[in-house]
């Protein structure tokens, strides 16, 4: 396992790359009701989740080291417990979102993600949370946010029939180890390792499924996909598949 902390400049660049990719992909969406690799989630749901997670990340940053997230991880609970608790939070937050269009949800995401980006450099070495006796800094969690945004950029790309690979996937491997301490990372190609460790299938949808397949078929296949989208601390948490 790579235990060297990710380079600060590379993390900051990766963060901006991830948020920019989400905005660019959102601008290309024609149908927000298509299924995504996150099973049972249409693209409109994924947009809502992005809004919620960006707002949560900003809250956790502003409240560090006494945030809701820090208190959750301070319990030193098993990974499965953390995953279940974060999954329940995801579902509850989506359930109370107002019925707004996809572009509005992405705009709200961009505002919170941008505010987070403005604050984190000056807070980089502040304690963000402590998990099983190890201190994780704001910079560590920034790496986890990078993982979150790039994974969801991939989700959005696959949902609209495109592909996506981050410009610097290697930094996400180091970011995973330092920002997602409760989940293991598989070996292999850097980006495919991140995809698989978050519960995703890199070739989603099925190889034989082309753009001409019916939505009903696509939805049935989507239900076999990822059920717990990313794996970041305070995001969707990763395994097992939701």
C-alpha atoms as a PDB file:
ATOM      1  CA  UNK A   1       0.000   0.000   0.000  1.00  0.00           C
ATOM      2  CA  UNK A   2       1.209   3.493  -0.855  1.00  0.00           C
ATOM      3  CA  UNK A   3       1.595   5.347   2.427  1.00  0.00           C
ATOM      4  CA  UNK A   4       3.110   8.585   1.131  1.00  0.00           C
ATOM      5  CA  UNK A   5       0.658  11.483   1.541  1.00  0.00           C
ATOM      6  CA  UNK A   6      -0.529  12.846  -1.799  1.00  0.00           C
ATOM      7  CA  UNK A   7       1.207  15.963  -3.077  1.00  0.00           C
ATOM      8  CA  UNK A   8      -0.723  19.084  -2.099  1.00  0.00           C
ATOM      9  CA  UNK A   9      -0.510  20.777  -5.493  1.00  0.00           C
ATOM     10  CA  UNK A  10      -1.636  17.632  -7.287  1.00  0.00           C
ATOM     11  CA  UNK A  11      -4.584  17.236  -4.914  1.00  0.00           C
ATOM     12  CA  UNK A  12      -5.675  20.835  -5.445  1.00  0.00           C
ATOM     13  CA  UNK A  13      -5.418  20.430  -9.220  1.00  0.00           C
ATOM     14  CA  UNK A  14      -7.290  17.127  -9.094  1.00  0.00           C
ATOM     15  CA  UNK A  15     -10.058  18.704  -7.027  1.00  0.00           C
ATOM     16  CA  UNK A  16     -10.561  21.440  -9.615  1.00  0.00           C
ATOM     17  CA  UNK A  17     -10.399  18.878 -12.428  1.00  0.00           C
ATOM     18  CA  UNK A  18     -13.132  16.807 -10.782  1.00  0.00           C
ATOM     19  CA  UNK A  19     -15.550  19.665 -10.191  1.00  0.00           C
ATOM     20  CA  UNK A  20     -14.928  21.016 -13.696  1.00  0.00           C
ATOM     21  CA  UNK A  21     -15.594  17.585 -15.202  1.00  0.00           C
ATOM     22  CA  UNK A  22     -18.923  17.347 -13.381  1.00  0.00           C
ATOM     23  CA  UNK A  23     -20.002  20.764 -14.647  1.00  0.00           C
ATOM     24  CA  UNK A  24     -18.922  19.983 -18.213  1.00  0.00           C
ATOM     25  CA  UNK A  25     -20.671  16.621 -18.250  1.00  0.00           C
ATOM     26  CA  UNK A  26     -23.825  18.147 -16.762  1.00  0.00           C
ATOM     27  CA  UNK A  27     -23.920  20.662 -19.620  1.00  0.00           C
ATOM     28  CA  UNK A  28     -24.043  17.753 -22.073  1.00  0.00           C
ATOM     29  CA  UNK A  29     -26.981  15.976 -20.395  1.00  0.00           C
ATOM     30  CA  UNK A  30     -30.150  15.849 -22.475  1.00  0.00           C
ATOM     31  CA  UNK A  31     -32.160  13.465 -20.303  1.00  0.00           C
ATOM     32  CA  UNK A  32     -31.833  13.559 -16.510  1.00  0.00           C
ATOM     33  CA  UNK A  33     -33.983  10.444 -16.122  1.00  0.00           C
ATOM     34  CA  UNK A  34     -31.446   7.972 -17.547  1.00  0.00           C
ATOM     35  CA  UNK A  35     -30.042   5.282 -15.224  1.00  0.00           C
ATOM     36  CA  UNK A  36     -26.543   5.555 -13.811  1.00  0.00           C
ATOM     37  CA  UNK A  37     -23.970   3.031 -12.558  1.00  0.00           C
ATOM     38  CA  UNK A  38     -25.358   3.815  -9.090  1.00  0.00           C
ATOM     39  CA  UNK A  39     -28.190   1.314  -9.039  1.00  0.00           C
ATOM     40  CA  UNK A  40     -31.690   2.706  -8.473  1.00  0.00           C
ATOM     41  CA  UNK A  41     -30.369   6.212  -9.112  1.00  0.00           C
ATOM     42  CA  UNK A  42     -31.247   8.159 -12.201  1.00  0.00           C
ATOM     43  CA  UNK A  43     -29.030  11.039 -13.251  1.00  0.00           C
ATOM     44  CA  UNK A  44     -31.318  13.513 -11.477  1.00  0.00           C
ATOM     45  CA  UNK A  45     -30.751  11.567  -8.222  1.00  0.00           C
ATOM     46  CA  UNK A  46     -27.001  11.629  -8.738  1.00  0.00           C
ATOM     47  CA  UNK A  47     -27.162  15.396  -9.243  1.00  0.00           C
ATOM     48  CA  UNK A  48     -29.051  15.687  -5.964  1.00  0.00           C
ATOM     49  CA  UNK A  49     -26.514  13.529  -4.202  1.00  0.00           C
ATOM     50  CA  UNK A  50     -23.689  15.713  -5.510  1.00  0.00           C
ATOM     51  CA  UNK A  51     -25.429  18.769  -4.133  1.00  0.00           C
ATOM     52  CA  UNK A  52     -25.855  17.139  -0.715  1.00  0.00           C
ATOM     53  CA  UNK A  53     -22.300  15.829  -0.500  1.00  0.00           C
ATOM     54  CA  UNK A  54     -20.751  19.163  -1.499  1.00  0.00           C
ATOM     55  CA  UNK A  55     -22.844  20.922   1.145  1.00  0.00           C
ATOM     56  CA  UNK A  56     -21.825  18.311   3.722  1.00  0.00           C
ATOM     57  CA  UNK A  57     -18.130  18.586   2.869  1.00  0.00           C
ATOM     58  CA  UNK A  58     -18.296  22.351   3.335  1.00  0.00           C
ATOM     59  CA  UNK A  59     -20.049  21.921   6.677  1.00  0.00           C
ATOM     60  CA  UNK A  60     -17.497  19.335   7.849  1.00  0.00           C
ATOM     61  CA  UNK A  61     -14.646  21.641   6.866  1.00  0.00           C
ATOM     62  CA  UNK A  62     -16.096  24.634   8.672  1.00  0.00           C
ATOM     63  CA  UNK A  63     -16.834  22.571  11.795  1.00  0.00           C
ATOM     64  CA  UNK A  64     -13.553  20.606  11.885  1.00  0.00           C
ATOM     65  CA  UNK A  65     -12.425  18.981  14.076  1.00  0.00           C
ATOM     66  CA  UNK A  66     -15.815  18.792  15.819  1.00  0.00           C
ATOM     67  CA  UNK A  67     -18.020  18.032  12.811  1.00  0.00           C
ATOM     68  CA  UNK A  68     -20.750  15.407  12.593  1.00  0.00           C
ATOM     69  CA  UNK A  69     -18.376  13.350  10.479  1.00  0.00           C
ATOM     70  CA  UNK A  70     -15.548  13.570  13.017  1.00  0.00           C
ATOM     71  CA  UNK A  71     -17.904  12.407  15.764  1.00  0.00           C
ATOM     72  CA  UNK A  72     -19.006   9.470  13.616  1.00  0.00           C
ATOM     73  CA  UNK A  73     -15.455   8.323  12.930  1.00  0.00           C
ATOM     74  CA  UNK A  74     -14.433   8.889  16.551  1.00  0.00           C
ATOM     75  CA  UNK A  75     -16.605   5.898  17.443  1.00  0.00           C
ATOM     76  CA  UNK A  76     -13.954   3.673  15.830  1.00  0.00           C
ATOM     77  CA  UNK A  77     -16.771   1.604  14.401  1.00  0.00           C
ATOM     78  CA  UNK A  78     -16.290  -1.162  11.865  1.00  0.00           C
ATOM     79  CA  UNK A  79     -16.288  -0.195   8.192  1.00  0.00           C
ATOM     80  CA  UNK A  80     -19.649  -1.866   7.624  1.00  0.00           C
ATOM     81  CA  UNK A  81     -21.207   0.254  10.372  1.00  0.00           C
ATOM     82  CA  UNK A  82     -19.812   3.471   8.891  1.00  0.00           C
ATOM     83  CA  UNK A  83     -21.085   2.471   5.459  1.00  0.00           C
ATOM     84  CA  UNK A  84     -24.601   1.782   6.749  1.00  0.00           C
ATOM     85  CA  UNK A  85     -24.771   5.028   8.697  1.00  0.00           C
ATOM     86  CA  UNK A  86     -23.598   7.095   5.743  1.00  0.00           C
ATOM     87  CA  UNK A  87     -25.946   5.261   3.393  1.00  0.00           C
ATOM     88  CA  UNK A  88     -28.883   6.132   5.637  1.00  0.00           C
ATOM     89  CA  UNK A  89     -27.755   9.749   5.657  1.00  0.00           C
ATOM     90  CA  UNK A  90     -27.570   9.767   1.847  1.00  0.00           C
ATOM     91  CA  UNK A  91     -31.082   8.400   1.512  1.00  0.00           C
ATOM     92  CA  UNK A  92     -32.524  10.815   4.057  1.00  0.00           C
ATOM     93  CA  UNK A  93     -30.944  13.841   2.417  1.00  0.00           C
ATOM     94  CA  UNK A  94     -32.128  12.897  -1.046  1.00  0.00           C
ATOM     95  CA  UNK A  95     -35.643  12.324   0.260  1.00  0.00           C
ATOM     96  CA  UNK A  96     -36.008  15.908   1.493  1.00  0.00           C
ATOM     97  CA  UNK A  97     -34.498  17.693  -1.496  1.00  0.00           C
ATOM     98  CA  UNK A  98     -36.934  19.963  -3.339  1.00  0.00           C
ATOM     99  CA  UNK A  99     -38.024  18.746  -6.806  1.00  0.00           C
ATOM    100  CA  UNK A 100     -35.598  20.908  -8.778  1.00  0.00           C
ATOM    101  CA  UNK A 101     -34.116  20.397 -12.279  1.00  0.00           C
ATOM    102  CA  UNK A 102     -30.760  18.731 -12.724  1.00  0.00           C
ATOM    103  CA  UNK A 103     -28.921  21.900 -13.782  1.00  0.00           C
ATOM    104  CA  UNK A 104     -30.046  23.664 -10.597  1.00  0.00           C
ATOM    105  CA  UNK A 105     -28.714  20.833  -8.470  1.00  0.00           C
ATOM    106  CA  UNK A 106     -25.375  21.009 -10.266  1.00  0.00           C
ATOM    107  CA  UNK A 107     -25.285  24.777  -9.752  1.00  0.00           C
ATOM    108  CA  UNK A 108     -25.817  24.273  -6.014  1.00  0.00           C
ATOM    109  CA  UNK A 109     -23.075  21.634  -6.048  1.00  0.00           C
ATOM    110  CA  UNK A 110     -20.700  24.051  -7.773  1.00  0.00           C
ATOM    111  CA  UNK A 111     -21.327  26.795  -5.216  1.00  0.00           C
ATOM    112  CA  UNK A 112     -20.563  24.549  -2.217  1.00  0.00           C
ATOM    113  CA  UNK A 113     -17.653  22.767  -3.915  1.00  0.00           C
ATOM    114  CA  UNK A 114     -16.192  26.142  -4.853  1.00  0.00           C
ATOM    115  CA  UNK A 115     -16.489  27.458  -1.304  1.00  0.00           C
ATOM    116  CA  UNK A 116     -14.743  24.319  -0.046  1.00  0.00           C
ATOM    117  CA  UNK A 117     -11.926  24.886  -2.556  1.00  0.00           C
ATOM    118  CA  UNK A 118     -11.524  28.479  -1.368  1.00  0.00           C
ATOM    119  CA  UNK A 119     -11.234  27.506   2.290  1.00  0.00           C
ATOM    120  CA  UNK A 120      -9.191  24.315   2.297  1.00  0.00           C
ATOM    121  CA  UNK A 121      -5.700  25.640   1.370  1.00  0.00           C
ATOM    122  CA  UNK A 122      -5.490  27.794   4.505  1.00  0.00           C
ATOM    123  CA  UNK A 123      -6.802  24.951   6.658  1.00  0.00           C
ATOM    124  CA  UNK A 124      -4.735  22.189   5.057  1.00  0.00           C
ATOM    125  CA  UNK A 125      -2.959  20.923   8.193  1.00  0.00           C
ATOM    126  CA  UNK A 126      -5.894  21.294  10.580  1.00  0.00           C
ATOM    127  CA  UNK A 127      -7.197  18.073  12.088  1.00  0.00           C
ATOM    128  CA  UNK A 128     -10.286  16.967  10.206  1.00  0.00           C
ATOM    129  CA  UNK A 129     -11.060  13.787  12.123  1.00  0.00           C
ATOM    130  CA  UNK A 130      -9.406  11.032  14.146  1.00  0.00           C
ATOM    131  CA  UNK A 131     -10.048   7.417  13.207  1.00  0.00           C
ATOM    132  CA  UNK A 132      -8.698   4.512  15.244  1.00  0.00           C
ATOM    133  CA  UNK A 133      -6.052   6.689  16.842  1.00  0.00           C
ATOM    134  CA  UNK A 134      -4.760   8.271  13.625  1.00  0.00           C
ATOM    135  CA  UNK A 135      -5.216  11.956  12.862  1.00  0.00           C
ATOM    136  CA  UNK A 136      -6.450  12.830   9.376  1.00  0.00           C
ATOM    137  CA  UNK A 137      -6.096  16.412   8.235  1.00  0.00           C
ATOM    138  CA  UNK A 138      -8.168  18.707   6.058  1.00  0.00           C
ATOM    139  CA  UNK A 139      -5.663  17.953   3.309  1.00  0.00           C
ATOM    140  CA  UNK A 140      -6.339  14.237   3.680  1.00  0.00           C
ATOM    141  CA  UNK A 141     -10.068  14.806   3.347  1.00  0.00           C
ATOM    142  CA  UNK A 142      -9.478  17.030   0.315  1.00  0.00           C
ATOM    143  CA  UNK A 143      -8.002  13.949  -1.334  1.00  0.00           C
ATOM    144  CA  UNK A 144     -11.144  12.014  -0.438  1.00  0.00           C
ATOM    145  CA  UNK A 145     -13.217  14.773  -2.034  1.00  0.00           C
ATOM    146  CA  UNK A 146     -11.155  14.363  -5.205  1.00  0.00           C
ATOM    147  CA  UNK A 147     -11.991  10.663  -5.249  1.00  0.00           C
ATOM    148  CA  UNK A 148     -15.670  11.502  -4.784  1.00  0.00           C
ATOM    149  CA  UNK A 149     -15.850  14.015  -7.623  1.00  0.00           C
ATOM    150  CA  UNK A 150     -13.927  11.912 -10.138  1.00  0.00           C
ATOM    151  CA  UNK A 151     -15.989   8.813  -9.399  1.00  0.00           C
ATOM    152  CA  UNK A 152     -19.192  10.738  -9.938  1.00  0.00           C
ATOM    153  CA  UNK A 153     -17.830  12.322 -13.096  1.00  0.00           C
ATOM    154  CA  UNK A 154     -17.350   8.762 -14.359  1.00  0.00           C
ATOM    155  CA  UNK A 155     -20.898   7.885 -13.283  1.00  0.00           C
ATOM    156  CA  UNK A 156     -22.273  10.849 -15.217  1.00  0.00           C
ATOM    157  CA  UNK A 157     -20.184  10.086 -18.286  1.00  0.00           C
ATOM    158  CA  UNK A 158     -21.280   6.456 -18.410  1.00  0.00           C
ATOM    159  CA  UNK A 159     -24.916   7.466 -17.922  1.00  0.00           C
ATOM    160  CA  UNK A 160     -24.820   9.610 -21.080  1.00  0.00           C
ATOM    161  CA  UNK A 161     -22.903   7.040 -23.113  1.00  0.00           C
ATOM    162  CA  UNK A 162     -19.445   8.600 -22.773  1.00  0.00           C
ATOM    163  CA  UNK A 163     -16.306   7.558 -20.919  1.00  0.00           C
ATOM    164  CA  UNK A 164     -14.192   9.346 -18.366  1.00  0.00           C
ATOM    165  CA  UNK A 165     -10.724   8.936 -16.930  1.00  0.00           C
ATOM    166  CA  UNK A 166      -9.116  11.537 -14.661  1.00  0.00           C
ATOM    167  CA  UNK A 167      -5.995  13.297 -15.888  1.00  0.00           C
ATOM    168  CA  UNK A 168      -3.986  12.184 -12.832  1.00  0.00           C
ATOM    169  CA  UNK A 169      -5.395   8.876 -11.541  1.00  0.00           C
ATOM    170  CA  UNK A 170      -2.234   8.069  -9.586  1.00  0.00           C
ATOM    171  CA  UNK A 171      -2.861  10.858  -7.088  1.00  0.00           C
ATOM    172  CA  UNK A 172      -6.265   9.313  -6.358  1.00  0.00           C
ATOM    173  CA  UNK A 173      -4.576   6.107  -5.178  1.00  0.00           C
ATOM    174  CA  UNK A 174      -2.590   7.970  -2.527  1.00  0.00           C
ATOM    175  CA  UNK A 175      -5.620  10.137  -1.765  1.00  0.00           C
ATOM    176  CA  UNK A 176      -7.684   7.004  -1.152  1.00  0.00           C
ATOM    177  CA  UNK A 177      -5.253   5.609   1.429  1.00  0.00           C
ATOM    178  CA  UNK A 178      -5.144   8.881   3.358  1.00  0.00           C
ATOM    179  CA  UNK A 179      -8.692  10.104   2.828  1.00  0.00           C
ATOM    180  CA  UNK A 180     -10.672   6.864   2.912  1.00  0.00           C
ATOM    181  CA  UNK A 181      -8.988   5.011   5.805  1.00  0.00           C
ATOM    182  CA  UNK A 182     -11.909   2.696   6.500  1.00  0.00           C
ATOM    183  CA  UNK A 183     -11.909   1.008   3.076  1.00  0.00           C
ATOM    184  CA  UNK A 184      -9.224  -1.081   1.325  1.00  0.00           C
ATOM    185  CA  UNK A 185      -8.014  -0.327  -2.196  1.00  0.00           C
ATOM    186  CA  UNK A 186      -7.572  -3.037  -4.786  1.00  0.00           C
ATOM    187  CA  UNK A 187      -4.335  -3.366  -6.748  1.00  0.00           C
ATOM    188  CA  UNK A 188      -3.853  -2.880 -10.480  1.00  0.00           C
ATOM    189  CA  UNK A 189      -4.327   0.049 -12.826  1.00  0.00           C
ATOM    190  CA  UNK A 190      -4.746   3.180 -10.717  1.00  0.00           C
ATOM    191  CA  UNK A 191      -8.117   4.305 -12.053  1.00  0.00           C
ATOM    192  CA  UNK A 192      -9.609   0.819 -12.374  1.00  0.00           C
ATOM    193  CA  UNK A 193      -8.518   0.108  -8.795  1.00  0.00           C
ATOM    194  CA  UNK A 194     -10.432   3.156  -7.581  1.00  0.00           C
ATOM    195  CA  UNK A 195     -13.477   2.187  -9.634  1.00  0.00           C
ATOM    196  CA  UNK A 196     -13.519  -1.414  -8.431  1.00  0.00           C
ATOM    197  CA  UNK A 197     -12.773  -0.548  -4.805  1.00  0.00           C
ATOM    198  CA  UNK A 198     -15.782   1.776  -4.785  1.00  0.00           C
ATOM    199  CA  UNK A 199     -17.959  -1.100  -5.985  1.00  0.00           C
ATOM    200  CA  UNK A 200     -18.107  -0.081  -9.647  1.00  0.00           C
ATOM    201  CA  UNK A 201     -17.740  -2.213 -12.751  1.00  0.00           C
ATOM    202  CA  UNK A 202     -15.372  -0.426 -15.165  1.00  0.00           C
ATOM    203  CA  UNK A 203     -17.218  -1.713 -18.244  1.00  0.00           C
ATOM    204  CA  UNK A 204     -20.693  -0.613 -17.097  1.00  0.00           C
ATOM    205  CA  UNK A 205     -23.089  -1.001 -18.786  1.00  0.00           C
ATOM    206  CA  UNK A 206     -22.753  -4.500 -20.207  1.00  0.00           C
ATOM    207  CA  UNK A 207     -20.359  -4.573 -23.191  1.00  0.00           C
ATOM    208  CA  UNK A 208     -23.131  -5.656 -25.531  1.00  0.00           C
ATOM    209  CA  UNK A 209     -25.382  -2.785 -24.609  1.00  0.00           C
ATOM    210  CA  UNK A 210     -25.345   0.008 -27.146  1.00  0.00           C
ATOM    211  CA  UNK A 211     -27.174   3.319 -27.343  1.00  0.00           C
ATOM    212  CA  UNK A 212     -29.999   1.650 -29.228  1.00  0.00           C
ATOM    213  CA  UNK A 213     -31.016  -0.549 -26.325  1.00  0.00           C
ATOM    214  CA  UNK A 214     -34.327   0.317 -24.714  1.00  0.00           C
ATOM    215  CA  UNK A 215     -34.491   2.255 -21.464  1.00  0.00           C
ATOM    216  CA  UNK A 216     -36.202  -0.685 -19.799  1.00  0.00           C
ATOM    217  CA  UNK A 217     -33.229  -2.920 -20.565  1.00  0.00           C
ATOM    218  CA  UNK A 218     -30.814  -0.230 -19.422  1.00  0.00           C
ATOM    219  CA  UNK A 219     -32.698   0.197 -16.171  1.00  0.00           C
ATOM    220  CA  UNK A 220     -32.653  -3.545 -15.487  1.00  0.00           C
ATOM    221  CA  UNK A 221     -28.916  -3.597 -16.065  1.00  0.00           C
ATOM    222  CA  UNK A 222     -28.447  -0.506 -13.944  1.00  0.00           C
ATOM    223  CA  UNK A 223     -29.981  -2.289 -10.978  1.00  0.00           C
ATOM    224  CA  UNK A 224     -27.020  -4.651 -11.112  1.00  0.00           C
ATOM    225  CA  UNK A 225     -24.544  -1.781 -10.843  1.00  0.00           C
ATOM    226  CA  UNK A 226     -23.083   0.157  -7.960  1.00  0.00           C
ATOM    227  CA  UNK A 227     -25.382   0.667  -5.051  1.00  0.00           C
ATOM    228  CA  UNK A 228     -23.105   2.764  -2.854  1.00  0.00           C
ATOM    229  CA  UNK A 229     -21.431   5.187  -5.242  1.00  0.00           C
ATOM    230  CA  UNK A 230     -18.118   6.491  -3.955  1.00  0.00           C
ATOM    231  CA  UNK A 231     -16.056   5.733  -0.934  1.00  0.00           C
ATOM    232  CA  UNK A 232     -14.960   8.962   0.614  1.00  0.00           C
ATOM    233  CA  UNK A 233     -15.178   9.954   4.254  1.00  0.00           C
ATOM    234  CA  UNK A 234     -18.435  11.818   4.527  1.00  0.00           C
ATOM    235  CA  UNK A 235     -19.503  10.990   1.006  1.00  0.00           C
ATOM    236  CA  UNK A 236     -21.379   7.900   0.004  1.00  0.00           C
ATOM    237  CA  UNK A 237     -18.927   5.425   1.463  1.00  0.00           C
ATOM    238  CA  UNK A 238     -17.937   2.623  -0.785  1.00  0.00           C
ATOM    239  CA  UNK A 239     -18.320  -1.068  -0.186  1.00  0.00           C
ATOM    240  CA  UNK A 240     -20.152  -3.357  -0.228  1.00  0.00           C
ATOM    241  CA  UNK A 241     -22.235  -2.386  -3.305  1.00  0.00           C
ATOM    242  CA  UNK A 242     -25.472  -0.716  -2.323  1.00  0.00           C
END
